Amino acid sequence: WVVRGLLLFTLAFANLNDIWSPDTVPNT
């Protein structure tokens, strides 16, 4: 399960593309 989680987590960054929105500013 740890390996599965690490691979999925890394996939969230593997696109190497910053996708964001001003919506996220106050949340951060």
mmCIF file of all heavy atoms, coordinates in Angstrom:
data_MODEL
# 
_entry.id   MODEL 
# 
loop_
_atom_site.group_PDB 
_atom_site.id 
_atom_site.type_symbol 
_atom_site.label_atom_id 
_atom_site.label_alt_id 
_atom_site.label_comp_id 
_atom_site.label_asym_id 
_atom_site.label_entity_id 
_atom_site.label_seq_id 
_atom_site.pdbx_PDB_ins_code 
_atom_site.Cartn_x 
_atom_site.Cartn_y 
_atom_site.Cartn_z 
_atom_site.occupancy 
_atom_site.B_iso_or_equiv 
_atom_site.pdbx_formal_charge 
_atom_site.auth_seq_id 
_atom_site.auth_comp_id 
_atom_site.auth_asym_id 
_atom_site.auth_atom_id 
_atom_site.pdbx_PDB_model_num 
ATOM 1   N N   . TRP A 1 1  ? 0.822   -1.202 0.000   1.00 0.00 ? 1  TRP A N   1 
ATOM 2   C CA  . TRP A 1 1  ? 0.000   0.000  0.000   1.00 0.00 ? 1  TRP A CA  1 
ATOM 3   C C   . TRP A 1 1  ? 0.861   1.259  0.000   1.00 0.00 ? 1  TRP A C   1 
ATOM 4   O O   . TRP A 1 1  ? 0.516   2.262  -0.642  1.00 0.00 ? 1  TRP A O   1 
ATOM 5   C CB  . TRP A 1 1  ? -0.934  -0.007 1.215   1.00 0.00 ? 1  TRP A CB  1 
ATOM 6   C CG  . TRP A 1 1  ? -2.099  -0.927 1.054   1.00 0.00 ? 1  TRP A CG  1 
ATOM 7   C CD1 . TRP A 1 1  ? -2.268  -2.150 1.628   1.00 0.00 ? 1  TRP A CD1 1 
ATOM 8   C CD2 . TRP A 1 1  ? -3.255  -0.709 0.247   1.00 0.00 ? 1  TRP A CD2 1 
ATOM 9   N NE1 . TRP A 1 1  ? -3.459  -2.709 1.237   1.00 0.00 ? 1  TRP A NE1 1 
ATOM 10  C CE2 . TRP A 1 1  ? -4.092  -1.846 0.384   1.00 0.00 ? 1  TRP A CE2 1 
ATOM 11  C CE3 . TRP A 1 1  ? -3.670  0.326  -0.576  1.00 0.00 ? 1  TRP A CE3 1 
ATOM 12  C CZ2 . TRP A 1 1  ? -5.320  -1.965 -0.266  1.00 0.00 ? 1  TRP A CZ2 1 
ATOM 13  C CZ3 . TRP A 1 1  ? -4.909  0.213  -1.227  1.00 0.00 ? 1  TRP A CZ3 1 
ATOM 14  C CH2 . TRP A 1 1  ? -5.710  -0.919 -1.078  1.00 0.00 ? 1  TRP A CH2 1 
ATOM 15  N N   . VAL A 1 2  ? 1.985   1.223  0.695   1.00 0.00 ? 2  VAL A N   1 
ATOM 16  C CA  . VAL A 1 2  ? 2.888   2.386  0.709   1.00 0.00 ? 2  VAL A CA  1 
ATOM 17  C C   . VAL A 1 2  ? 3.443   2.640  -0.685  1.00 0.00 ? 2  VAL A C   1 
ATOM 18  O O   . VAL A 1 2  ? 3.500   3.787  -1.149  1.00 0.00 ? 2  VAL A O   1 
ATOM 19  C CB  . VAL A 1 2  ? 4.031   2.169  1.725   1.00 0.00 ? 2  VAL A CB  1 
ATOM 20  C CG1 . VAL A 1 2  ? 5.096   3.252  1.572   1.00 0.00 ? 2  VAL A CG1 1 
ATOM 21  C CG2 . VAL A 1 2  ? 3.487   2.170  3.153   1.00 0.00 ? 2  VAL A CG2 1 
ATOM 22  N N   . VAL A 1 3  ? 3.848   1.576  -1.375  1.00 0.00 ? 3  VAL A N   1 
ATOM 23  C CA  . VAL A 1 3  ? 4.380   1.730  -2.731  1.00 0.00 ? 3  VAL A CA  1 
ATOM 24  C C   . VAL A 1 3  ? 3.304   2.278  -3.666  1.00 0.00 ? 3  VAL A C   1 
ATOM 25  O O   . VAL A 1 3  ? 3.558   3.181  -4.482  1.00 0.00 ? 3  VAL A O   1 
ATOM 26  C CB  . VAL A 1 3  ? 4.928   0.384  -3.251  1.00 0.00 ? 3  VAL A CB  1 
ATOM 27  C CG1 . VAL A 1 3  ? 5.268   0.485  -4.735  1.00 0.00 ? 3  VAL A CG1 1 
ATOM 28  C CG2 . VAL A 1 3  ? 6.159   -0.016 -2.456  1.00 0.00 ? 3  VAL A CG2 1 
ATOM 29  N N   . ARG A 1 4  ? 2.101   1.748  -3.568  1.00 0.00 ? 4  ARG A N   1 
ATOM 30  C CA  . ARG A 1 4  ? 0.999   2.275  -4.373  1.00 0.00 ? 4  ARG A CA  1 
ATOM 31  C C   . ARG A 1 4  ? 0.820   3.773  -4.131  1.00 0.00 ? 4  ARG A C   1 
ATOM 32  O O   . ARG A 1 4  ? 0.686   4.569  -5.071  1.00 0.00 ? 4  ARG A O   1 
ATOM 33  C CB  . ARG A 1 4  ? -0.300  1.555  -4.022  1.00 0.00 ? 4  ARG A CB  1 
ATOM 34  C CG  . ARG A 1 4  ? -0.410  0.119  -4.492  1.00 0.00 ? 4  ARG A CG  1 
ATOM 35  C CD  . ARG A 1 4  ? -1.616  -0.564 -3.854  1.00 0.00 ? 4  ARG A CD  1 
ATOM 36  N NE  . ARG A 1 4  ? -1.892  -1.878 -4.427  1.00 0.00 ? 4  ARG A NE  1 
ATOM 37  C CZ  . ARG A 1 4  ? -2.781  -2.729 -3.944  1.00 0.00 ? 4  ARG A CZ  1 
ATOM 38  N NH1 . ARG A 1 4  ? -3.489  -2.392 -2.860  1.00 0.00 ? 4  ARG A NH1 1 
ATOM 39  N NH2 . ARG A 1 4  ? -2.971  -3.899 -4.526  1.00 0.00 ? 4  ARG A NH2 1 
ATOM 40  N N   . GLY A 1 5  ? 0.792   4.154  -2.861  1.00 0.00 ? 5  GLY A N   1 
ATOM 41  C CA  . GLY A 1 5  ? 0.607   5.565  -2.522  1.00 0.00 ? 5  GLY A CA  1 
ATOM 42  C C   . GLY A 1 5  ? 1.721   6.442  -3.054  1.00 0.00 ? 5  GLY A C   1 
ATOM 43  O O   . GLY A 1 5  ? 1.469   7.526  -3.593  1.00 0.00 ? 5  GLY A O   1 
ATOM 44  N N   . LEU A 1 6  ? 2.965   5.993  -2.929  1.00 0.00 ? 6  LEU A N   1 
ATOM 45  C CA  . LEU A 1 6  ? 4.093   6.787  -3.413  1.00 0.00 ? 6  LEU A CA  1 
ATOM 46  C C   . LEU A 1 6  ? 4.038   6.975  -4.927  1.00 0.00 ? 6  LEU A C   1 
ATOM 47  O O   . LEU A 1 6  ? 4.336   8.058  -5.445  1.00 0.00 ? 6  LEU A O   1 
ATOM 48  C CB  . LEU A 1 6  ? 5.416   6.121  -3.009  1.00 0.00 ? 6  LEU A CB  1 
ATOM 49  C CG  . LEU A 1 6  ? 5.773   6.188  -1.516  1.00 0.00 ? 6  LEU A CG  1 
ATOM 50  C CD1 . LEU A 1 6  ? 7.021   5.366  -1.230  1.00 0.00 ? 6  LEU A CD1 1 
ATOM 51  C CD2 . LEU A 1 6  ? 5.989   7.640  -1.080  1.00 0.00 ? 6  LEU A CD2 1 
ATOM 52  N N   . LEU A 1 7  ? 3.657   5.926  -5.652  1.00 0.00 ? 7  LEU A N   1 
ATOM 53  C CA  . LEU A 1 7  ? 3.582   6.038  -7.105  1.00 0.00 ? 7  LEU A CA  1 
ATOM 54  C C   . LEU A 1 7  ? 2.452   6.975  -7.528  1.00 0.00 ? 7  LEU A C   1 
ATOM 55  O O   . LEU A 1 7  ? 2.626   7.804  -8.435  1.00 0.00 ? 7  LEU A O   1 
ATOM 56  C CB  . LEU A 1 7  ? 3.391   4.645  -7.724  1.00 0.00 ? 7  LEU A CB  1 
ATOM 57  C CG  . LEU A 1 7  ? 4.620   3.727  -7.662  1.00 0.00 ? 7  LEU A CG  1 
ATOM 58  C CD1 . LEU A 1 7  ? 4.268   2.324  -8.145  1.00 0.00 ? 7  LEU A CD1 1 
ATOM 59  C CD2 . LEU A 1 7  ? 5.767   4.293  -8.491  1.00 0.00 ? 7  LEU A CD2 1 
ATOM 60  N N   . LEU A 1 8  ? 1.293   6.870  -6.880  1.00 0.00 ? 8  LEU A N   1 
ATOM 61  C CA  . LEU A 1 8  ? 0.190   7.769  -7.213  1.00 0.00 ? 8  LEU A CA  1 
ATOM 62  C C   . LEU A 1 8  ? 0.547   9.214  -6.850  1.00 0.00 ? 8  LEU A C   1 
ATOM 63  O O   . LEU A 1 8  ? 0.261   10.137 -7.622  1.00 0.00 ? 8  LEU A O   1 
ATOM 64  C CB  . LEU A 1 8  ? -1.080  7.335  -6.483  1.00 0.00 ? 8  LEU A CB  1 
ATOM 65  C CG  . LEU A 1 8  ? -1.730  6.034  -6.965  1.00 0.00 ? 8  LEU A CG  1 
ATOM 66  C CD1 . LEU A 1 8  ? -2.873  5.637  -6.046  1.00 0.00 ? 8  LEU A CD1 1 
ATOM 67  C CD2 . LEU A 1 8  ? -2.236  6.178  -8.403  1.00 0.00 ? 8  LEU A CD2 1 
ATOM 68  N N   . PHE A 1 9  ? 1.149   9.406  -5.697  1.00 0.00 ? 9  PHE A N   1 
ATOM 69  C CA  . PHE A 1 9  ? 1.553   10.746 -5.278  1.00 0.00 ? 9  PHE A CA  1 
ATOM 70  C C   . PHE A 1 9  ? 2.529   11.352 -6.282  1.00 0.00 ? 9  PHE A C   1 
ATOM 71  O O   . PHE A 1 9  ? 2.406   12.522 -6.677  1.00 0.00 ? 9  PHE A O   1 
ATOM 72  C CB  . PHE A 1 9  ? 2.190   10.679 -3.888  1.00 0.00 ? 9  PHE A CB  1 
ATOM 73  C CG  . PHE A 1 9  ? 2.707   12.000 -3.384  1.00 0.00 ? 9  PHE A CG  1 
ATOM 74  C CD1 . PHE A 1 9  ? 1.851   12.930 -2.826  1.00 0.00 ? 9  PHE A CD1 1 
ATOM 75  C CD2 . PHE A 1 9  ? 4.069   12.302 -3.453  1.00 0.00 ? 9  PHE A CD2 1 
ATOM 76  C CE1 . PHE A 1 9  ? 2.324   14.152 -2.359  1.00 0.00 ? 9  PHE A CE1 1 
ATOM 77  C CE2 . PHE A 1 9  ? 4.553   13.501 -2.986  1.00 0.00 ? 9  PHE A CE2 1 
ATOM 78  C CZ  . PHE A 1 9  ? 3.676   14.430 -2.438  1.00 0.00 ? 9  PHE A CZ  1 
ATOM 79  N N   . THR A 1 10 ? 3.503   10.567 -6.721  1.00 0.00 ? 10 THR A N   1 
ATOM 80  C CA  . THR A 1 10 ? 4.482   11.066 -7.687  1.00 0.00 ? 10 THR A CA  1 
ATOM 81  C C   . THR A 1 10 ? 3.827   11.400 -9.019  1.00 0.00 ? 10 THR A C   1 
ATOM 82  O O   . THR A 1 10 ? 4.231   12.350 -9.703  1.00 0.00 ? 10 THR A O   1 
ATOM 83  C CB  . THR A 1 10 ? 5.604   10.030 -7.886  1.00 0.00 ? 10 THR A CB  1 
ATOM 84  O OG1 . THR A 1 10 ? 6.128   9.662  -6.610  1.00 0.00 ? 10 THR A OG1 1 
ATOM 85  C CG2 . THR A 1 10 ? 6.732   10.609 -8.736  1.00 0.00 ? 10 THR A CG2 1 
ATOM 86  N N   . LEU A 1 11 ? 2.789   10.633 -9.391  1.00 0.00 ? 11 LEU A N   1 
ATOM 87  C CA  . LEU A 1 11 ? 2.073   10.923 -10.631 1.00 0.00 ? 11 LEU A CA  1 
ATOM 88  C C   . LEU A 1 11 ? 1.446   12.315 -10.621 1.00 0.00 ? 11 LEU A C   1 
ATOM 89  O O   . LEU A 1 11 ? 1.270   12.935 -11.673 1.00 0.00 ? 11 LEU A O   1 
ATOM 90  C CB  . LEU A 1 11 ? 0.978   9.879  -10.862 1.00 0.00 ? 11 LEU A CB  1 
ATOM 91  C CG  . LEU A 1 11 ? 1.308   8.691  -11.759 1.00 0.00 ? 11 LEU A CG  1 
ATOM 92  C CD1 . LEU A 1 11 ? 0.152   7.715  -11.788 1.00 0.00 ? 11 LEU A CD1 1 
ATOM 93  C CD2 . LEU A 1 11 ? 1.656   9.157  -13.170 1.00 0.00 ? 11 LEU A CD2 1 
ATOM 94  N N   . ALA A 1 12 ? 1.113   12.809 -9.439  1.00 0.00 ? 12 ALA A N   1 
ATOM 95  C CA  . ALA A 1 12 ? 0.513   14.143 -9.342  1.00 0.00 ? 12 ALA A CA  1 
ATOM 96  C C   . ALA A 1 12 ? 1.509   15.243 -9.706  1.00 0.00 ? 12 ALA A C   1 
ATOM 97  O O   . ALA A 1 12 ? 1.111   16.378 -9.974  1.00 0.00 ? 12 ALA A O   1 
ATOM 98  C CB  . ALA A 1 12 ? -0.020  14.378 -7.926  1.00 0.00 ? 12 ALA A CB  1 
ATOM 99  N N   . PHE A 1 13 ? 2.800   14.915 -9.728  1.00 0.00 ? 13 PHE A N   1 
ATOM 100 C CA  . PHE A 1 13 ? 3.837   15.889 -10.068 1.00 0.00 ? 13 PHE A CA  1 
ATOM 101 C C   . PHE A 1 13 ? 4.531   15.560 -11.385 1.00 0.00 ? 13 PHE A C   1 
ATOM 102 O O   . PHE A 1 13 ? 5.256   16.395 -11.934 1.00 0.00 ? 13 PHE A O   1 
ATOM 103 C CB  . PHE A 1 13 ? 4.895   15.942 -8.953  1.00 0.00 ? 13 PHE A CB  1 
ATOM 104 C CG  . PHE A 1 13 ? 4.356   16.406 -7.638  1.00 0.00 ? 13 PHE A CG  1 
ATOM 105 C CD1 . PHE A 1 13 ? 3.757   15.507 -6.763  1.00 0.00 ? 13 PHE A CD1 1 
ATOM 106 C CD2 . PHE A 1 13 ? 4.428   17.738 -7.264  1.00 0.00 ? 13 PHE A CD2 1 
ATOM 107 C CE1 . PHE A 1 13 ? 3.242   15.927 -5.548  1.00 0.00 ? 13 PHE A CE1 1 
ATOM 108 C CE2 . PHE A 1 13 ? 3.911   18.173 -6.052  1.00 0.00 ? 13 PHE A CE2 1 
ATOM 109 C CZ  . PHE A 1 13 ? 3.320   17.269 -5.187  1.00 0.00 ? 13 PHE A CZ  1 
ATOM 110 N N   . ALA A 1 14 ? 4.306   14.345 -11.893 1.00 0.00 ? 14 ALA A N   1 
ATOM 111 C CA  . ALA A 1 14 ? 5.067   13.873 -13.045 1.00 0.00 ? 14 ALA A CA  1 
ATOM 112 C C   . ALA A 1 14 ? 4.730   14.600 -14.334 1.00 0.00 ? 14 ALA A C   1 
ATOM 113 O O   . ALA A 1 14 ? 5.498   14.542 -15.301 1.00 0.00 ? 14 ALA A O   1 
ATOM 114 C CB  . ALA A 1 14 ? 4.843   12.366 -13.241 1.00 0.00 ? 14 ALA A CB  1 
ATOM 115 N N   . ASN A 1 15 ? 3.599   15.316 -14.378 1.00 0.00 ? 15 ASN A N   1 
ATOM 116 C CA  . ASN A 1 15 ? 3.263   16.054 -15.598 1.00 0.00 ? 15 ASN A CA  1 
ATOM 117 C C   . ASN A 1 15 ? 4.141   17.281 -15.803 1.00 0.00 ? 15 ASN A C   1 
ATOM 118 O O   . ASN A 1 15 ? 4.182   17.859 -16.890 1.00 0.00 ? 15 ASN A O   1 
ATOM 119 C CB  . ASN A 1 15 ? 1.791   16.474 -15.569 1.00 0.00 ? 15 ASN A CB  1 
ATOM 120 C CG  . ASN A 1 15 ? 1.439   17.286 -14.335 1.00 0.00 ? 15 ASN A CG  1 
ATOM 121 O OD1 . ASN A 1 15 ? 1.925   17.044 -13.241 1.00 0.00 ? 15 ASN A OD1 1 
ATOM 122 N ND2 . ASN A 1 15 ? 0.568   18.269 -14.506 1.00 0.00 ? 15 ASN A ND2 1 
ATOM 123 N N   . LEU A 1 16 ? 4.861   17.717 -14.751 1.00 0.00 ? 16 LEU A N   1 
ATOM 124 C CA  . LEU A 1 16 ? 5.804   18.847 -14.836 1.00 0.00 ? 16 LEU A CA  1 
ATOM 125 C C   . LEU A 1 16 ? 5.148   20.115 -15.358 1.00 0.00 ? 16 LEU A C   1 
ATOM 126 O O   . LEU A 1 16 ? 5.787   20.944 -16.017 1.00 0.00 ? 16 LEU A O   1 
ATOM 127 C CB  . LEU A 1 16 ? 7.006   18.481 -15.723 1.00 0.00 ? 16 LEU A CB  1 
ATOM 128 C CG  . LEU A 1 16 ? 7.767   17.202 -15.355 1.00 0.00 ? 16 LEU A CG  1 
ATOM 129 C CD1 . LEU A 1 16 ? 8.911   16.971 -16.337 1.00 0.00 ? 16 LEU A CD1 1 
ATOM 130 C CD2 . LEU A 1 16 ? 8.280   17.260 -13.933 1.00 0.00 ? 16 LEU A CD2 1 
ATOM 131 N N   . ASN A 1 17 ? 3.858   20.267 -15.058 1.00 0.00 ? 17 ASN A N   1 
ATOM 132 C CA  . ASN A 1 17 ? 3.101   21.415 -15.551 1.00 0.00 ? 17 ASN A CA  1 
ATOM 133 C C   . ASN A 1 17 ? 2.378   22.055 -14.376 1.00 0.00 ? 17 ASN A C   1 
ATOM 134 O O   . ASN A 1 17 ? 1.614   21.385 -13.676 1.00 0.00 ? 17 ASN A O   1 
ATOM 135 C CB  . ASN A 1 17 ? 2.088   20.959 -16.608 1.00 0.00 ? 17 ASN A CB  1 
ATOM 136 C CG  . ASN A 1 17 ? 1.329   22.121 -17.224 1.00 0.00 ? 17 ASN A CG  1 
ATOM 137 O OD1 . ASN A 1 17 ? 1.798   23.262 -17.241 1.00 0.00 ? 17 ASN A OD1 1 
ATOM 138 N ND2 . ASN A 1 17 ? 0.155   21.847 -17.758 1.00 0.00 ? 17 ASN A ND2 1 
ATOM 139 N N   . ASP A 1 18 ? 2.622   23.345 -14.125 1.00 0.00 ? 18 ASP A N   1 
ATOM 140 C CA  . ASP A 1 18 ? 1.952   24.042 -13.027 1.00 0.00 ? 18 ASP A CA  1 
ATOM 141 C C   . ASP A 1 18 ? 0.527   24.396 -13.442 1.00 0.00 ? 18 ASP A C   1 
ATOM 142 O O   . ASP A 1 18 ? 0.311   25.268 -14.288 1.00 0.00 ? 18 ASP A O   1 
ATOM 143 C CB  . ASP A 1 18 ? 2.710   25.326 -12.653 1.00 0.00 ? 18 ASP A CB  1 
ATOM 144 C CG  . ASP A 1 18 ? 4.029   25.034 -11.959 1.00 0.00 ? 18 ASP A CG  1 
ATOM 145 O OD1 . ASP A 1 18 ? 4.105   24.034 -11.233 1.00 0.00 ? 18 ASP A OD1 1 
ATOM 146 O OD2 . ASP A 1 18 ? 5.000   25.805 -12.157 1.00 0.00 ? 18 ASP A OD2 1 
ATOM 147 N N   . ILE A 1 19 ? -0.448  23.707 -12.863 1.00 0.00 ? 19 ILE A N   1 
ATOM 148 C CA  . ILE A 1 19 ? -1.859  24.008 -13.104 1.00 0.00 ? 19 ILE A CA  1 
ATOM 149 C C   . ILE A 1 19 ? -2.438  24.509 -11.790 1.00 0.00 ? 19 ILE A C   1 
ATOM 150 O O   . ILE A 1 19 ? -2.475  23.783 -10.801 1.00 0.00 ? 19 ILE A O   1 
ATOM 151 C CB  . ILE A 1 19 ? -2.630  22.766 -13.582 1.00 0.00 ? 19 ILE A CB  1 
ATOM 152 C CG1 . ILE A 1 19 ? -1.998  22.201 -14.864 1.00 0.00 ? 19 ILE A CG1 1 
ATOM 153 C CG2 . ILE A 1 19 ? -4.097  23.111 -13.829 1.00 0.00 ? 19 ILE A CG2 1 
ATOM 154 C CD1 . ILE A 1 19 ? -2.634  20.909 -15.337 1.00 0.00 ? 19 ILE A CD1 1 
ATOM 155 N N   . TRP A 1 20 ? -2.873  25.738 -11.767 1.00 0.00 ? 20 TRP A N   1 
ATOM 156 C CA  . TRP A 1 20 ? -3.395  26.306 -10.538 1.00 0.00 ? 20 TRP A CA  1 
ATOM 157 C C   . TRP A 1 20 ? -4.410  27.376 -10.903 1.00 0.00 ? 20 TRP A C   1 
ATOM 158 O O   . TRP A 1 20 ? -4.677  27.622 -12.078 1.00 0.00 ? 20 TRP A O   1 
ATOM 159 C CB  . TRP A 1 20 ? -2.266  26.903 -9.686  1.00 0.00 ? 20 TRP A CB  1 
ATOM 160 C CG  . TRP A 1 20 ? -1.733  28.187 -10.236 1.00 0.00 ? 20 TRP A CG  1 
ATOM 161 C CD1 . TRP A 1 20 ? -0.989  28.346 -11.369 1.00 0.00 ? 20 TRP A CD1 1 
ATOM 162 C CD2 . TRP A 1 20 ? -1.936  29.494 -9.708  1.00 0.00 ? 20 TRP A CD2 1 
ATOM 163 N NE1 . TRP A 1 20 ? -0.716  29.671 -11.577 1.00 0.00 ? 20 TRP A NE1 1 
ATOM 164 C CE2 . TRP A 1 20 ? -1.283  30.403 -10.563 1.00 0.00 ? 20 TRP A CE2 1 
ATOM 165 C CE3 . TRP A 1 20 ? -2.606  29.976 -8.580  1.00 0.00 ? 20 TRP A CE3 1 
ATOM 166 C CZ2 . TRP A 1 20 ? -1.288  31.772 -10.332 1.00 0.00 ? 20 TRP A CZ2 1 
ATOM 167 C CZ3 . TRP A 1 20 ? -2.597  31.355 -8.354  1.00 0.00 ? 20 TRP A CZ3 1 
ATOM 168 C CH2 . TRP A 1 20 ? -1.940  32.224 -9.230  1.00 0.00 ? 20 TRP A CH2 1 
ATOM 169 N N   . SER A 1 21 ? -4.996  27.998 -9.911  1.00 0.00 ? 21 SER A N   1 
ATOM 170 C CA  . SER A 1 21 ? -5.989  29.036 -10.122 1.00 0.00 ? 21 SER A CA  1 
ATOM 171 C C   . SER A 1 21 ? -5.905  30.041 -8.984  1.00 0.00 ? 21 SER A C   1 
ATOM 172 O O   . SER A 1 21 ? -5.526  29.681 -7.863  1.00 0.00 ? 21 SER A O   1 
ATOM 173 C CB  . SER A 1 21 ? -7.395  28.413 -10.159 1.00 0.00 ? 21 SER A CB  1 
ATOM 174 O OG  . SER A 1 21 ? -8.387  29.404 -9.971  1.00 0.00 ? 21 SER A OG  1 
ATOM 175 N N   . PRO A 1 22 ? -6.270  31.315 -9.227  1.00 0.00 ? 22 PRO A N   1 
ATOM 176 C CA  . PRO A 1 22 ? -6.354  32.265 -8.115  1.00 0.00 ? 22 PRO A CA  1 
ATOM 177 C C   . PRO A 1 22 ? -7.306  31.804 -7.009  1.00 0.00 ? 22 PRO A C   1 
ATOM 178 O O   . PRO A 1 22 ? -7.180  32.258 -5.869  1.00 0.00 ? 22 PRO A O   1 
ATOM 179 C CB  . PRO A 1 22 ? -6.862  33.546 -8.790  1.00 0.00 ? 22 PRO A CB  1 
ATOM 180 C CG  . PRO A 1 22 ? -6.398  33.437 -10.204 1.00 0.00 ? 22 PRO A CG  1 
ATOM 181 C CD  . PRO A 1 22 ? -6.469  31.980 -10.537 1.00 0.00 ? 22 PRO A CD  1 
ATOM 182 N N   . ASP A 1 23 ? -8.255  30.909 -7.340  1.00 0.00 ? 23 ASP A N   1 
ATOM 183 C CA  . ASP A 1 23 ? -9.136  30.354 -6.309  1.00 0.00 ? 23 ASP A CA  1 
ATOM 184 C C   . ASP A 1 23 ? -8.359  29.779 -5.133  1.00 0.00 ? 23 ASP A C   1 
ATOM 185 O O   . ASP A 1 23 ? -8.847  29.760 -3.997  1.00 0.00 ? 23 ASP A O   1 
ATOM 186 C CB  . ASP A 1 23 ? -9.983  29.222 -6.892  1.00 0.00 ? 23 ASP A CB  1 
ATOM 187 C CG  . ASP A 1 23 ? -11.191 29.729 -7.668  1.00 0.00 ? 23 ASP A CG  1 
ATOM 188 O OD1 . ASP A 1 23 ? -11.312 30.952 -7.837  1.00 0.00 ? 23 ASP A OD1 1 
ATOM 189 O OD2 . ASP A 1 23 ? -11.997 28.901 -8.110  1.00 0.00 ? 23 ASP A OD2 1 
ATOM 190 N N   . THR A 1 24 ? -7.163  29.256 -5.405  1.00 0.00 ? 24 THR A N   1 
ATOM 191 C CA  . THR A 1 24 ? -6.404  28.567 -4.360  1.00 0.00 ? 24 THR A CA  1 
ATOM 192 C C   . THR A 1 24 ? -5.632  29.515 -3.458  1.00 0.00 ? 24 THR A C   1 
ATOM 193 O O   . THR A 1 24 ? -5.111  29.084 -2.428  1.00 0.00 ? 24 THR A O   1 
ATOM 194 C CB  . THR A 1 24 ? -5.418  27.565 -4.992  1.00 0.00 ? 24 THR A CB  1 
ATOM 195 O OG1 . THR A 1 24 ? -4.418  28.278 -5.744  1.00 0.00 ? 24 THR A OG1 1 
ATOM 196 C CG2 . THR A 1 24 ? -6.131  26.600 -5.928  1.00 0.00 ? 24 THR A CG2 1 
ATOM 197 N N   . VAL A 1 25 ? -5.547  30.801 -3.814  1.00 0.00 ? 25 VAL A N   1 
ATOM 198 C CA  . VAL A 1 25 ? -4.711  31.745 -3.057  1.00 0.00 ? 25 VAL A CA  1 
ATOM 199 C C   . VAL A 1 25 ? -5.144  31.872 -1.601  1.00 0.00 ? 25 VAL A C   1 
ATOM 200 O O   . VAL A 1 25 ? -4.331  31.682 -0.686  1.00 0.00 ? 25 VAL A O   1 
ATOM 201 C CB  . VAL A 1 25 ? -4.672  33.116 -3.756  1.00 0.00 ? 25 VAL A CB  1 
ATOM 202 C CG1 . VAL A 1 25 ? -3.976  34.151 -2.882  1.00 0.00 ? 25 VAL A CG1 1 
ATOM 203 C CG2 . VAL A 1 25 ? -3.964  32.997 -5.098  1.00 0.00 ? 25 VAL A CG2 1 
ATOM 204 N N   . PRO A 1 26 ? -6.424  32.215 -1.292  1.00 0.00 ? 26 PRO A N   1 
ATOM 205 C CA  . PRO A 1 26 ? -6.778  32.343 0.124   1.00 0.00 ? 26 PRO A CA  1 
ATOM 206 C C   . PRO A 1 26 ? -6.682  31.018 0.881   1.00 0.00 ? 26 PRO A C   1 
ATOM 207 O O   . PRO A 1 26 ? -6.383  31.024 2.082   1.00 0.00 ? 26 PRO A O   1 
ATOM 208 C CB  . PRO A 1 26 ? -8.222  32.865 0.086   1.00 0.00 ? 26 PRO A CB  1 
ATOM 209 C CG  . PRO A 1 26 ? -8.742  32.519 -1.261  1.00 0.00 ? 26 PRO A CG  1 
ATOM 210 C CD  . PRO A 1 26 ? -7.566  32.557 -2.178  1.00 0.00 ? 26 PRO A CD  1 
ATOM 211 N N   . ASN A 1 27 ? -6.885  29.901 0.193   1.00 0.00 ? 27 ASN A N   1 
ATOM 212 C CA  . ASN A 1 27 ? -6.752  28.606 0.863   1.00 0.00 ? 27 ASN A CA  1 
ATOM 213 C C   . ASN A 1 27 ? -5.318  28.374 1.322   1.00 0.00 ? 27 ASN A C   1 
ATOM 214 O O   . ASN A 1 27 ? -5.081  27.791 2.389   1.00 0.00 ? 27 ASN A O   1 
ATOM 215 C CB  . ASN A 1 27 ? -7.179  27.476 -0.075  1.00 0.00 ? 27 ASN A CB  1 
ATOM 216 C CG  . ASN A 1 27 ? -8.623  27.582 -0.505  1.00 0.00 ? 27 ASN A CG  1 
ATOM 217 O OD1 . ASN A 1 27 ? -9.447  28.179 0.172   1.00 0.00 ? 27 ASN A OD1 1 
ATOM 218 N ND2 . ASN A 1 27 ? -8.947  26.999 -1.652  1.00 0.00 ? 27 ASN A ND2 1 
ATOM 219 N N   . THR A 1 28 ? -4.356  28.809 0.522   1.00 0.00 ? 28 THR A N   1 
ATOM 220 C CA  . THR A 1 28 ? -2.958  28.599 0.871   1.00 0.00 ? 28 THR A CA  1 
ATOM 221 C C   . THR A 1 28 ? -2.452  29.616 1.894   1.00 0.00 ? 28 THR A C   1 
ATOM 222 O O   . THR A 1 28 ? -1.576  29.302 2.694   1.00 0.00 ? 28 THR A O   1 
ATOM 223 C CB  . THR A 1 28 ? -2.071  28.669 -0.384  1.00 0.00 ? 28 THR A CB  1 
ATOM 224 O OG1 . THR A 1 28 ? -2.267  29.925 -1.042  1.00 0.00 ? 28 THR A OG1 1 
ATOM 225 C CG2 . THR A 1 28 ? -2.404  27.554 -1.357  1.00 0.00 ? 28 THR A CG2 1 
# 
